[in-house]
Amino acid sequence: MSTNKPNKPKSVSWFNGCGGRIGVVIGQSGEYAYIGAALRHDEDSDVEYILAYGAKFPLAAAQLLPVSKQYPSEA
């Protein structure tokens, strides 16, 4: 399994999908958002996992989604 560039989350949008929750995570930097399934029963761990290993998702489309949780900006 390949990893994405290290990044910190900016926001996440959660959706109920077939068999579990699906997250779309926007990072503090980068050209893409990332999409993946919530596999870990802890929201912050799921966000970190999706950001590290999720599939690329168009950033412009992710910015149109309703935000479920906002993360503080990096200083």
C-alpha atoms as a PDB file:
ATOM      1  CA  MET A   1       0.000   0.000   0.000  1.00  0.00           C
ATOM      2  CA  SER A   2       1.454   3.352  -0.934  1.00  0.00           C
ATOM      3  CA  THR A   3       1.267   6.419   1.272  1.00  0.00           C
ATOM      4  CA  ASN A   4       0.377   9.978   0.401  1.00  0.00           C
ATOM      5  CA  LYS A   5       2.610  12.952   1.228  1.00  0.00           C
ATOM      6  CA  PRO A   6       2.592  13.756   4.969  1.00  0.00           C
ATOM      7  CA  ASN A   7      -0.123  16.305   5.697  1.00  0.00           C
ATOM      8  CA  LYS A   8      -2.324  17.557   8.528  1.00  0.00           C
ATOM      9  CA  PRO A   9      -6.124  17.631   8.200  1.00  0.00           C
ATOM     10  CA  LYS A  10      -8.007  20.861   7.570  1.00  0.00           C
ATOM     11  CA  SER A  11     -11.544  19.459   7.475  1.00  0.00           C
ATOM     12  CA  VAL A  12     -13.466  16.225   7.073  1.00  0.00           C
ATOM     13  CA  SER A  13     -16.888  15.464   5.627  1.00  0.00           C
ATOM     14  CA  TRP A  14     -18.523  12.216   6.788  1.00  0.00           C
ATOM     15  CA  PHE A  15     -21.189  10.279   4.873  1.00  0.00           C
ATOM     16  CA  ASN A  16     -23.007   7.027   5.588  1.00  0.00           C
ATOM     17  CA  GLY A  17     -22.105   4.518   2.939  1.00  0.00           C
ATOM     18  CA  CYS A  18     -22.897   0.912   2.253  1.00  0.00           C
ATOM     19  CA  GLY A  19     -21.239  -0.958   5.108  1.00  0.00           C
ATOM     20  CA  GLY A  20     -19.949   2.029   7.081  1.00  0.00           C
ATOM     21  CA  ARG A  21     -18.941   5.662   7.095  1.00  0.00           C
ATOM     22  CA  ILE A  22     -17.031   7.298   4.260  1.00  0.00           C
ATOM     23  CA  GLY A  23     -14.791  10.305   4.913  1.00  0.00           C
ATOM     24  CA  VAL A  24     -13.511  12.988   2.561  1.00  0.00           C
ATOM     25  CA  VAL A  25     -10.511  14.726   4.144  1.00  0.00           C
ATOM     26  CA  ILE A  26      -9.039  18.040   3.005  1.00  0.00           C
ATOM     27  CA  GLY A  27      -5.450  18.584   4.084  1.00  0.00           C
ATOM     28  CA  GLN A  28      -3.709  21.793   5.137  1.00  0.00           C
ATOM     29  CA  SER A  29      -1.727  21.662   1.878  1.00  0.00           C
ATOM     30  CA  GLY A  30      -1.797  19.842  -1.446  1.00  0.00           C
ATOM     31  CA  GLU A  31      -3.764  19.667  -4.685  1.00  0.00           C
ATOM     32  CA  TYR A  32      -6.138  16.859  -3.668  1.00  0.00           C
ATOM     33  CA  ALA A  33      -8.498  15.793  -0.928  1.00  0.00           C
ATOM     34  CA  TYR A  34      -8.624  12.124   0.046  1.00  0.00           C
ATOM     35  CA  ILE A  35     -11.519   9.691   0.393  1.00  0.00           C
ATOM     36  CA  GLY A  36     -11.685   6.482   2.394  1.00  0.00           C
ATOM     37  CA  ALA A  37     -13.694   4.311   4.758  1.00  0.00           C
ATOM     38  CA  ALA A  38     -13.767   4.728   8.535  1.00  0.00           C
ATOM     39  CA  LEU A  39     -12.160   1.487   9.677  1.00  0.00           C
ATOM     40  CA  ARG A  40     -10.924   2.372  13.131  1.00  0.00           C
ATOM     41  CA  HIS A  41     -13.804   3.348  15.514  1.00  0.00           C
ATOM     42  CA  ASP A  42     -12.024   6.621  16.421  1.00  0.00           C
ATOM     43  CA  GLU A  43     -12.769   9.652  14.264  1.00  0.00           C
ATOM     44  CA  ASP A  44      -9.340  11.309  14.564  1.00  0.00           C
ATOM     45  CA  SER A  45      -7.535   8.023  13.814  1.00  0.00           C
ATOM     46  CA  ASP A  46      -9.800   7.486  10.808  1.00  0.00           C
ATOM     47  CA  VAL A  47      -9.010  10.993   9.529  1.00  0.00           C
ATOM     48  CA  GLU A  48      -5.245  10.426   9.877  1.00  0.00           C
ATOM     49  CA  TYR A  49      -5.537   7.048   8.124  1.00  0.00           C
ATOM     50  CA  ILE A  50      -7.583   8.462   5.225  1.00  0.00           C
ATOM     51  CA  LEU A  51      -5.152  11.363   4.844  1.00  0.00           C
ATOM     52  CA  ALA A  52      -2.212   8.938   4.737  1.00  0.00           C
ATOM     53  CA  TYR A  53      -3.672   6.115   2.620  1.00  0.00           C
ATOM     54  CA  GLY A  54      -6.931   7.334   1.056  1.00  0.00           C
ATOM     55  CA  ALA A  55      -7.640   7.607  -2.637  1.00  0.00           C
ATOM     56  CA  LYS A  56      -7.196  11.004  -4.281  1.00  0.00           C
ATOM     57  CA  PHE A  57     -10.389  13.039  -4.534  1.00  0.00           C
ATOM     58  CA  PRO A  58     -10.746  16.316  -6.498  1.00  0.00           C
ATOM     59  CA  LEU A  59     -10.065  19.231  -4.135  1.00  0.00           C
ATOM     60  CA  ALA A  60     -12.597  21.538  -5.834  1.00  0.00           C
ATOM     61  CA  ALA A  61     -15.354  18.942  -5.345  1.00  0.00           C
ATOM     62  CA  ALA A  62     -14.372  18.320  -1.710  1.00  0.00           C
ATOM     63  CA  GLN A  63     -14.620  22.040  -0.950  1.00  0.00           C
ATOM     64  CA  LEU A  64     -18.296  21.973  -2.003  1.00  0.00           C
ATOM     65  CA  LEU A  65     -19.208  19.256   0.525  1.00  0.00           C
ATOM     66  CA  PRO A  66     -20.717  20.082   3.930  1.00  0.00           C
ATOM     67  CA  VAL A  67     -17.987  20.074   6.606  1.00  0.00           C
ATOM     68  CA  SER A  68     -18.520  17.664   9.501  1.00  0.00           C
ATOM     69  CA  LYS A  69     -15.455  18.769  11.477  1.00  0.00           C
ATOM     70  CA  GLN A  70     -12.960  21.615  11.069  1.00  0.00           C
ATOM     71  CA  TYR A  71      -9.377  21.294  12.364  1.00  0.00           C
ATOM     72  CA  PRO A  72      -7.207  24.219  13.558  1.00  0.00           C
ATOM     73  CA  SER A  73      -4.767  25.676  11.034  1.00  0.00           C
ATOM     74  CA  GLU A  74      -1.057  25.023  11.331  1.00  0.00           C
ATOM     75  CA  ALA A  75       0.881  27.909  12.828  1.00  0.00           C
END
